[in-house]
PDB file of N, CA and C in Angstrom:
ATOM      1  N   UNK A   1      19.222 -19.643  43.023  1.00  0.00           N
ATOM      2  CA  UNK A   1      18.284 -20.452  43.763  1.00  0.00           C
ATOM      3  C   UNK A   1      18.411 -21.934  43.408  1.00  0.00           C
ATOM      4  N   UNK A   2      18.504 -22.313  42.121  1.00  0.00           N
ATOM      5  CA  UNK A   2      18.664 -23.740  41.795  1.00  0.00           C
ATOM      6  C   UNK A   2      19.989 -24.297  42.324  1.00  0.00           C
ATOM      7  N   UNK A   3      21.005 -23.425  42.464  1.00  0.00           N
ATOM      8  CA  UNK A   3      22.276 -23.886  42.998  1.00  0.00           C
ATOM      9  C   UNK A   3      22.138 -24.304  44.456  1.00  0.00           C
ATOM     10  N   UNK A   4      21.340 -23.568  45.217  1.00  0.00           N
ATOM     11  CA  UNK A   4      21.122 -23.880  46.624  1.00  0.00           C
ATOM     12  C   UNK A   4      20.423 -25.230  46.773  1.00  0.00           C
ATOM     13  N   UNK A   5      19.473 -25.492  45.904  1.00  0.00           N
ATOM     14  CA  UNK A   5      18.759 -26.778  45.942  1.00  0.00           C
ATOM     15  C   UNK A   5      19.722 -27.918  45.620  1.00  0.00           C
ATOM     16  N   UNK A   6      20.600 -27.713  44.646  1.00  0.00           N
ATOM     17  CA  UNK A   6      21.581 -28.739  44.297  1.00  0.00           C
ATOM     18  C   UNK A   6      22.560 -28.983  45.445  1.00  0.00           C
ATOM     19  N   UNK A   7      22.966 -27.924  46.117  1.00  0.00           N
ATOM     20  CA  UNK A   7      23.881 -28.063  47.245  1.00  0.00           C
ATOM     21  C   UNK A   7      23.220 -28.829  48.387  1.00  0.00           C
ATOM     22  N   UNK A   8      21.977 -28.493  48.688  1.00  0.00           N
ATOM     23  CA  UNK A   8      21.244 -29.192  49.749  1.00  0.00           C
ATOM     24  C   UNK A   8      21.051 -30.660  49.389  1.00  0.00           C
ATOM     25  N   UNK A   9      20.712 -30.949  48.130  1.00  0.00           N
ATOM     26  CA  UNK A   9      20.535 -32.331  47.691  1.00  0.00           C
ATOM     27  C   UNK A   9      21.855 -33.099  47.785  1.00  0.00           C
ATOM     28  N   UNK A  10      22.957 -32.458  47.414  1.00  0.00           N
ATOM     29  CA  UNK A  10      24.261 -33.117  47.490  1.00  0.00           C
ATOM     30  C   UNK A  10      24.637 -33.400  48.941  1.00  0.00           C
ATOM     31  N   UNK A  11      24.380 -32.462  49.844  1.00  0.00           N
ATOM     32  CA  UNK A  11      24.666 -32.676  51.261  1.00  0.00           C
ATOM     33  C   UNK A  11      23.815 -33.805  51.841  1.00  0.00           C
ATOM     34  N   UNK A  12      22.542 -33.835  51.440  1.00  0.00           N
ATOM     35  CA  UNK A  12      21.659 -34.901  51.908  1.00  0.00           C
ATOM     36  C   UNK A  12      22.156 -36.261  51.419  1.00  0.00           C
ATOM     37  N   UNK A  13      22.620 -36.338  50.193  1.00  0.00           N
ATOM     38  CA  UNK A  13      23.144 -37.583  49.640  1.00  0.00           C
ATOM     39  C   UNK A  13      24.417 -38.016  50.373  1.00  0.00           C
ATOM     40  N   UNK A  14      25.281 -37.081  50.667  1.00  0.00           N
ATOM     41  CA  UNK A  14      26.520 -37.397  51.398  1.00  0.00           C
ATOM     42  C   UNK A  14      26.194 -37.893  52.800  1.00  0.00           C
ATOM     43  N   UNK A  15      25.293 -37.234  53.483  1.00  0.00           N
ATOM     44  CA  UNK A  15      24.900 -37.654  54.833  1.00  0.00           C
ATOM     45  C   UNK A  15      24.270 -39.038  54.786  1.00  0.00           C
ATOM     46  N   UNK A  16      23.434 -39.303  53.805  1.00  0.00           N
ATOM     47  CA  UNK A  16      22.793 -40.604  53.668  1.00  0.00           C
ATOM     48  C   UNK A  16      23.824 -41.701  53.433  1.00  0.00           C
ATOM     49  N   UNK A  17      24.793 -41.442  52.600  1.00  0.00           N
ATOM     50  CA  UNK A  17      25.802 -42.459  52.266  1.00  0.00           C
ATOM     51  C   UNK A  17      26.716 -42.783  53.444  1.00  0.00           C
ATOM     52  N   UNK A  18      26.996 -41.810  54.295  1.00  0.00           N
ATOM     53  CA  UNK A  18      27.930 -42.016  55.392  1.00  0.00           C
ATOM     54  C   UNK A  18      27.248 -42.200  56.745  1.00  0.00           C
ATOM     55  N   UNK A  19      25.957 -42.468  56.773  1.00  0.00           N
ATOM     56  CA  UNK A  19      25.253 -42.603  58.046  1.00  0.00           C
ATOM     57  C   UNK A  19      25.703 -43.831  58.827  1.00  0.00           C
ATOM     58  N   UNK A  20      26.012 -44.942  58.156  1.00  0.00           N
ATOM     59  CA  UNK A  20      26.483 -46.132  58.867  1.00  0.00           C
ATOM     60  C   UNK A  20      27.825 -45.860  59.516  1.00  0.00           C
ATOM     61  N   UNK A  21      28.695 -45.172  58.820  1.00  0.00           N
ATOM     62  CA  UNK A  21      30.008 -44.853  59.375  1.00  0.00           C
ATOM     63  C   UNK A  21      29.874 -43.957  60.602  1.00  0.00           C
ATOM     64  N   UNK A  22      28.980 -42.998  60.547  1.00  0.00           N
ATOM     65  CA  UNK A  22      28.843 -42.055  61.653  1.00  0.00           C
ATOM     66  C   UNK A  22      28.241 -42.727  62.881  1.00  0.00           C
ATOM     67  N   UNK A  23      27.323 -43.686  62.724  1.00  0.00           N
ATOM     68  CA  UNK A  23      26.751 -44.354  63.892  1.00  0.00           C
ATOM     69  C   UNK A  23      27.763 -45.280  64.532  1.00  0.00           C
ATOM     70  N   UNK A  24      28.642 -45.899  63.757  1.00  0.00           N
ATOM     71  CA  UNK A  24      29.664 -46.764  64.343  1.00  0.00           C
ATOM     72  C   UNK A  24      30.654 -45.945  65.150  1.00  0.00           C
ATOM     73  N   UNK A  25      30.974 -44.776  64.704  1.00  0.00           N
ATOM     74  CA  UNK A  25      31.939 -43.930  65.402  1.00  0.00           C
ATOM     75  C   UNK A  25      31.347 -43.321  66.668  1.00  0.00           C
ATOM     76  N   UNK A  26      30.043 -43.116  66.700  1.00  0.00           N
ATOM     77  CA  UNK A  26      29.439 -42.457  67.858  1.00  0.00           C
ATOM     78  C   UNK A  26      29.140 -43.422  68.982  1.00  0.00           C
ATOM     79  N   UNK A  27      29.398 -44.714  68.800  1.00  0.00           N
ATOM     80  CA  UNK A  27      29.181 -45.681  69.863  1.00  0.00           C
ATOM     81  C   UNK A  27      27.785 -46.256  69.889  1.00  0.00           C
ATOM     82  N   UNK A  28      26.976 -45.997  68.903  1.00  0.00           N
ATOM     83  CA  UNK A  28      25.642 -46.572  68.850  1.00  0.00           C
ATOM     84  C   UNK A  28      25.779 -48.050  68.533  1.00  0.00           C
ATOM     85  N   UNK A  29      25.225 -48.880  69.398  1.00  0.00           N
ATOM     86  CA  UNK A  29      25.354 -50.320  69.225  1.00  0.00           C
ATOM     87  C   UNK A  29      24.187 -50.851  68.411  1.00  0.00           C
ATOM     88  N   UNK A  30      24.487 -51.620  67.388  1.00  0.00           N
ATOM     89  CA  UNK A  30      23.424 -52.202  66.601  1.00  0.00           C
ATOM     90  C   UNK A  30      22.848 -53.395  67.344  1.00  0.00           C
ATOM     91  N   UNK A  31      21.602 -53.667  67.134  1.00  0.00           N
ATOM     92  CA  UNK A  31      20.934 -54.773  67.805  1.00  0.00           C
ATOM     93  C   UNK A  31      21.423 -56.075  67.201  1.00  0.00           C
ATOM     94  N   UNK A  32      22.043 -56.927  68.007  1.00  0.00           N
ATOM     95  CA  UNK A  32      22.597 -58.166  67.494  1.00  0.00           C
ATOM     96  C   UNK A  32      21.641 -59.339  67.659  1.00  0.00           C
ATOM     97  N   UNK A  33      20.557 -59.146  68.382  1.00  0.00           N
ATOM     98  CA  UNK A  33      19.614 -60.224  68.596  1.00  0.00           C
ATOM     99  C   UNK A  33      18.578 -60.231  67.476  1.00  0.00           C
ATOM    100  N   UNK A  34      18.233 -61.417  67.046  1.00  0.00           N
ATOM    101  CA  UNK A  34      17.284 -61.509  65.948  1.00  0.00           C
ATOM    102  C   UNK A  34      15.869 -61.768  66.432  1.00  0.00           C
ATOM    103  N   UNK A  35      15.700 -62.246  67.639  1.00  0.00           N
ATOM    104  CA  UNK A  35      14.353 -62.518  68.132  1.00  0.00           C
ATOM    105  C   UNK A  35      14.292 -62.303  69.640  1.00  0.00           C
ATOM    106  N   UNK A  36      13.093 -62.366  70.168  1.00  0.00           N
ATOM    107  CA  UNK A  36      12.882 -62.234  71.606  1.00  0.00           C
ATOM    108  C   UNK A  36      13.541 -63.396  72.334  1.00  0.00           C
ATOM    109  N   UNK A  37      13.487 -64.583  71.738  1.00  0.00           N
ATOM    110  CA  UNK A  37      14.117 -65.753  72.347  1.00  0.00           C
ATOM    111  C   UNK A  37      15.623 -65.574  72.469  1.00  0.00           C
ATOM    112  N   UNK A  38      16.241 -64.998  71.442  1.00  0.00           N
ATOM    113  CA  UNK A  38      17.685 -64.752  71.491  1.00  0.00           C
ATOM    114  C   UNK A  38      18.029 -63.791  72.613  1.00  0.00           C
ATOM    115  N   UNK A  39      17.233 -62.749  72.767  1.00  0.00           N
ATOM    116  CA  UNK A  39      17.469 -61.766  73.832  1.00  0.00           C
ATOM    117  C   UNK A  39      17.305 -62.421  75.202  1.00  0.00           C
ATOM    118  N   UNK A  40      16.247 -63.228  75.352  1.00  0.00           N
ATOM    119  CA  UNK A  40      16.002 -63.917  76.616  1.00  0.00           C
ATOM    120  C   UNK A  40      17.167 -64.844  76.958  1.00  0.00           C
ATOM    121  N   UNK A  41      17.615 -65.619  75.981  1.00  0.00           N
ATOM    122  CA  UNK A  41      18.714 -66.553  76.209  1.00  0.00           C
ATOM    123  C   UNK A  41      20.014 -65.833  76.548  1.00  0.00           C
ATOM    124  N   UNK A  42      20.265 -64.707  75.907  1.00  0.00           N
ATOM    125  CA  UNK A  42      21.479 -63.938  76.193  1.00  0.00           C
ATOM    126  C   UNK A  42      21.432 -63.359  77.602  1.00  0.00           C
ATOM    127  N   UNK A  43      20.270 -62.850  78.026  1.00  0.00           N
ATOM    128  CA  UNK A  43      20.137 -62.311  79.376  1.00  0.00           C
ATOM    129  C   UNK A  43      20.275 -63.423  80.416  1.00  0.00           C
ATOM    130  N   UNK A  44      19.686 -64.577  80.114  1.00  0.00           N
ATOM    131  CA  UNK A  44      19.788 -65.732  81.018  1.00  0.00           C
ATOM    132  C   UNK A  44      21.242 -66.170  81.168  1.00  0.00           C
ATOM    133  N   UNK A  45      21.957 -66.223  80.070  1.00  0.00           N
ATOM    134  CA  UNK A  45      23.364 -66.621  80.096  1.00  0.00           C
ATOM    135  C   UNK A  45      24.196 -65.605  80.891  1.00  0.00           C
ATOM    136  N   UNK A  46      23.884 -64.329  80.742  1.00  0.00           N
ATOM    137  CA  UNK A  46      24.603 -63.291  81.486  1.00  0.00           C
ATOM    138  C   UNK A  46      24.363 -63.451  82.989  1.00  0.00           C
ATOM    139  N   UNK A  47      23.116 -63.761  83.374  1.00  0.00           N
ATOM    140  CA  UNK A  47      22.817 -63.999  84.792  1.00  0.00           C
ATOM    141  C   UNK A  47      23.588 -65.211  85.316  1.00  0.00           C
ATOM    142  N   UNK A  48      23.610 -66.287  84.506  1.00  0.00           N
ATOM    143  CA  UNK A  48      24.339 -67.494  84.912  1.00  0.00           C
ATOM    144  C   UNK A  48      25.829 -67.204  85.102  1.00  0.00           C
ATOM    145  N   UNK A  49      26.398 -66.420  84.197  1.00  0.00           N
ATOM    146  CA  UNK A  49      27.814 -66.084  84.303  1.00  0.00           C
ATOM    147  C   UNK A  49      28.099 -65.250  85.553  1.00  0.00           C
ATOM    148  N   UNK A  50      27.186 -64.332  85.870  1.00  0.00           N
ATOM    149  CA  UNK A  50      27.374 -63.508  87.062  1.00  0.00           C
ATOM    150  C   UNK A  50      27.253 -64.342  88.330  1.00  0.00           C
ATOM    151  N   UNK A  51      26.302 -65.283  88.344  1.00  0.00           N
ATOM    152  CA  UNK A  51      26.164 -66.185  89.490  1.00  0.00           C
ATOM    153  C   UNK A  51      27.426 -67.024  89.652  1.00  0.00           C
ATOM    154  N   UNK A  52      27.932 -67.560  88.544  1.00  0.00           N
ATOM    155  CA  UNK A  52      29.169 -68.348  88.593  1.00  0.00           C
ATOM    156  C   UNK A  52      30.333 -67.523  89.131  1.00  0.00           C
ATOM    157  N   UNK A  53      30.426 -66.264  88.691  1.00  0.00           N
ATOM    158  CA  UNK A  53      31.504 -65.393  89.158  1.00  0.00           C
ATOM    159  C   UNK A  53      31.403 -65.182  90.666  1.00  0.00           C
ATOM    160  N   UNK A  54      30.183 -64.946  91.149  1.00  0.00           N
ATOM    161  CA  UNK A  54      30.002 -64.718  92.583  1.00  0.00           C
ATOM    162  C   UNK A  54      30.274 -65.988  93.391  1.00  0.00           C
ATOM    163  N   UNK A  55      29.862 -67.136  92.875  1.00  0.00           N
ATOM    164  CA  UNK A  55      30.112 -68.395  93.584  1.00  0.00           C
ATOM    165  C   UNK A  55      31.601 -68.716  93.622  1.00  0.00           C
ATOM    166  N   UNK A  56      32.299 -68.421  92.545  1.00  0.00           N
ATOM    167  CA  UNK A  56      33.741 -68.644  92.525  1.00  0.00           C
ATOM    168  C   UNK A  56      34.468 -67.706  93.485  1.00  0.00           C
ATOM    169  N   UNK A  57      33.906 -66.529  93.667  1.00  0.00           N
ATOM    170  CA  UNK A  57      34.509 -65.533  94.555  1.00  0.00           C
ATOM    171  C   UNK A  57      34.398 -65.960  96.019  1.00  0.00           C
ATOM    172  N   UNK A  58      33.414 -66.799  96.307  1.00  0.00           N
ATOM    173  CA  UNK A  58      33.190 -67.208  97.690  1.00  0.00           C
ATOM    174  C   UNK A  58      34.377 -67.991  98.247  1.00  0.00           C
ATOM    175  N   UNK A  59      35.019 -68.801  97.447  1.00  0.00           N
ATOM    176  CA  UNK A  59      36.239 -69.485  97.879  1.00  0.00           C
ATOM    177  C   UNK A  59      36.036 -70.453  99.025  1.00  0.00           C
ATOM    178  N   UNK A  60      37.028 -70.539  99.904  1.00  0.00           N
ATOM    179  CA  UNK A  60      37.023 -71.518 101.000  1.00  0.00           C
ATOM    180  C   UNK A  60      36.120 -71.118 102.154  1.00  0.00           C
ATOM    181  N   UNK A  61      35.988 -69.836 102.416  1.00  0.00           N
ATOM    182  CA  UNK A  61      35.240 -69.377 103.588  1.00  0.00           C
ATOM    183  C   UNK A  61      33.741 -69.228 103.344  1.00  0.00           C
ATOM    184  N   UNK A  62      33.293 -69.599 102.192  1.00  0.00           N
ATOM    185  CA  UNK A  62      31.866 -69.531 101.908  1.00  0.00           C
ATOM    186  C   UNK A  62      31.376 -68.112 101.716  1.00  0.00           C
ATOM    187  N   UNK A  63      30.174 -67.871 102.161  1.00  0.00           N
ATOM    188  CA  UNK A  63      29.532 -66.579 101.928  1.00  0.00           C
ATOM    189  C   UNK A  63      30.231 -65.447 102.667  1.00  0.00           C
ATOM    190  N   UNK A  64      31.063 -65.763 103.638  1.00  0.00           N
ATOM    191  CA  UNK A  64      31.799 -64.732 104.382  1.00  0.00           C
ATOM    192  C   UNK A  64      32.799 -63.999 103.483  1.00  0.00           C
ATOM    193  N   UNK A  65      33.212 -64.626 102.381  1.00  0.00           N
ATOM    194  CA  UNK A  65      34.152 -63.983 101.457  1.00  0.00           C
ATOM    195  C   UNK A  65      33.495 -62.909 100.598  1.00  0.00           C
ATOM    196  N   UNK A  66      32.173 -62.911 100.513  1.00  0.00           N
ATOM    197  CA  UNK A  66      31.477 -61.936  99.672  1.00  0.00           C
ATOM    198  C   UNK A  66      31.246 -60.636 100.421  1.00  0.00           C
ATOM    199  N   UNK A  67      31.306 -59.551  99.681  1.00  0.00           N
ATOM    200  CA  UNK A  67      30.937 -58.269 100.277  1.00  0.00           C
ATOM    201  C   UNK A  67      29.419 -58.221 100.424  1.00  0.00           C
ATOM    202  N   UNK A  68      28.938 -57.251 101.135  1.00  0.00           N
ATOM    203  CA  UNK A  68      27.491 -57.130 101.335  1.00  0.00           C
ATOM    204  C   UNK A  68      26.783 -56.917  99.994  1.00  0.00           C
ATOM    205  N   UNK A  69      27.392 -56.112  99.148  1.00  0.00           N
ATOM    206  CA  UNK A  69      26.822 -55.836  97.824  1.00  0.00           C
ATOM    207  C   UNK A  69      26.749 -57.119  96.991  1.00  0.00           C
ATOM    208  N   UNK A  70      27.839 -57.918  97.030  1.00  0.00           N
ATOM    209  CA  UNK A  70      27.865 -59.160  96.261  1.00  0.00           C
ATOM    210  C   UNK A  70      26.859 -60.178  96.790  1.00  0.00           C
ATOM    211  N   UNK A  71      26.731 -60.270  98.102  1.00  0.00           N
ATOM    212  CA  UNK A  71      25.777 -61.236  98.657  1.00  0.00           C
ATOM    213  C   UNK A  71      24.342 -60.839  98.341  1.00  0.00           C
ATOM    214  N   UNK A  72      24.049 -59.538  98.358  1.00  0.00           N
ATOM    215  CA  UNK A  72      22.707 -59.089  97.971  1.00  0.00           C
ATOM    216  C   UNK A  72      22.437 -59.368  96.496  1.00  0.00           C
ATOM    217  N   UNK A  73      23.447 -59.158  95.663  1.00  0.00           N
ATOM    218  CA  UNK A  73      23.285 -59.431  94.230  1.00  0.00           C
ATOM    219  C   UNK A  73      23.080 -60.922  93.975  1.00  0.00           C
ATOM    220  N   UNK A  74      23.810 -61.772  94.676  1.00  0.00           N
ATOM    221  CA  UNK A  74      23.650 -63.211  94.526  1.00  0.00           C
ATOM    222  C   UNK A  74      22.254 -63.647  94.952  1.00  0.00           C
ATOM    223  N   UNK A  75      21.775 -63.075  96.034  1.00  0.00           N
ATOM    224  CA  UNK A  75      20.416 -63.392  96.500  1.00  0.00           C
ATOM    225  C   UNK A  75      19.373 -62.946  95.473  1.00  0.00           C
ATOM    226  N   UNK A  76      19.570 -61.766  94.913  1.00  0.00           N
ATOM    227  CA  UNK A  76      18.656 -61.244  93.889  1.00  0.00           C
ATOM    228  C   UNK A  76      18.649 -62.126  92.645  1.00  0.00           C
ATOM    229  N   UNK A  77      19.830 -62.535  92.203  1.00  0.00           N
ATOM    230  CA  UNK A  77      19.925 -63.361  90.996  1.00  0.00           C
ATOM    231  C   UNK A  77      19.354 -64.758  91.223  1.00  0.00           C
ATOM    232  N   UNK A  78      19.466 -65.277  92.427  1.00  0.00           N
ATOM    233  CA  UNK A  78      18.963 -66.623  92.697  1.00  0.00           C
ATOM    234  C   UNK A  78      17.443 -66.674  92.716  1.00  0.00           C
ATOM    235  N   UNK A  79      16.804 -65.517  92.898  1.00  0.00           N
ATOM    236  CA  UNK A  79      15.328 -65.478  92.915  1.00  0.00           C
ATOM    237  C   UNK A  79      14.730 -65.446  91.513  1.00  0.00           C
ATOM    238  N   UNK A  80      15.534 -65.122  90.511  1.00  0.00           N
ATOM    239  CA  UNK A  80      15.008 -65.009  89.136  1.00  0.00           C
ATOM    240  C   UNK A  80      14.866 -66.347  88.483  1.00  0.00           C
TER     241      UNK A  80
END
């Protein structure tokens, strides 16, 4: 019986020590933002980049170069 307790304790210690390694391998993303402001700024920058991408896609023919999906997305992003 005491051997079983030692085995369980050893397994728990091994799992505890390697938990960071296992989360990195499983694709769990750690939170890189330190505050709400950082998250807001990152989301704002992502929206700006997407708007820039869509505007660059328009090219010489203007909005006619965009697909219906892209034009709806551009309209949605411009309202935010």
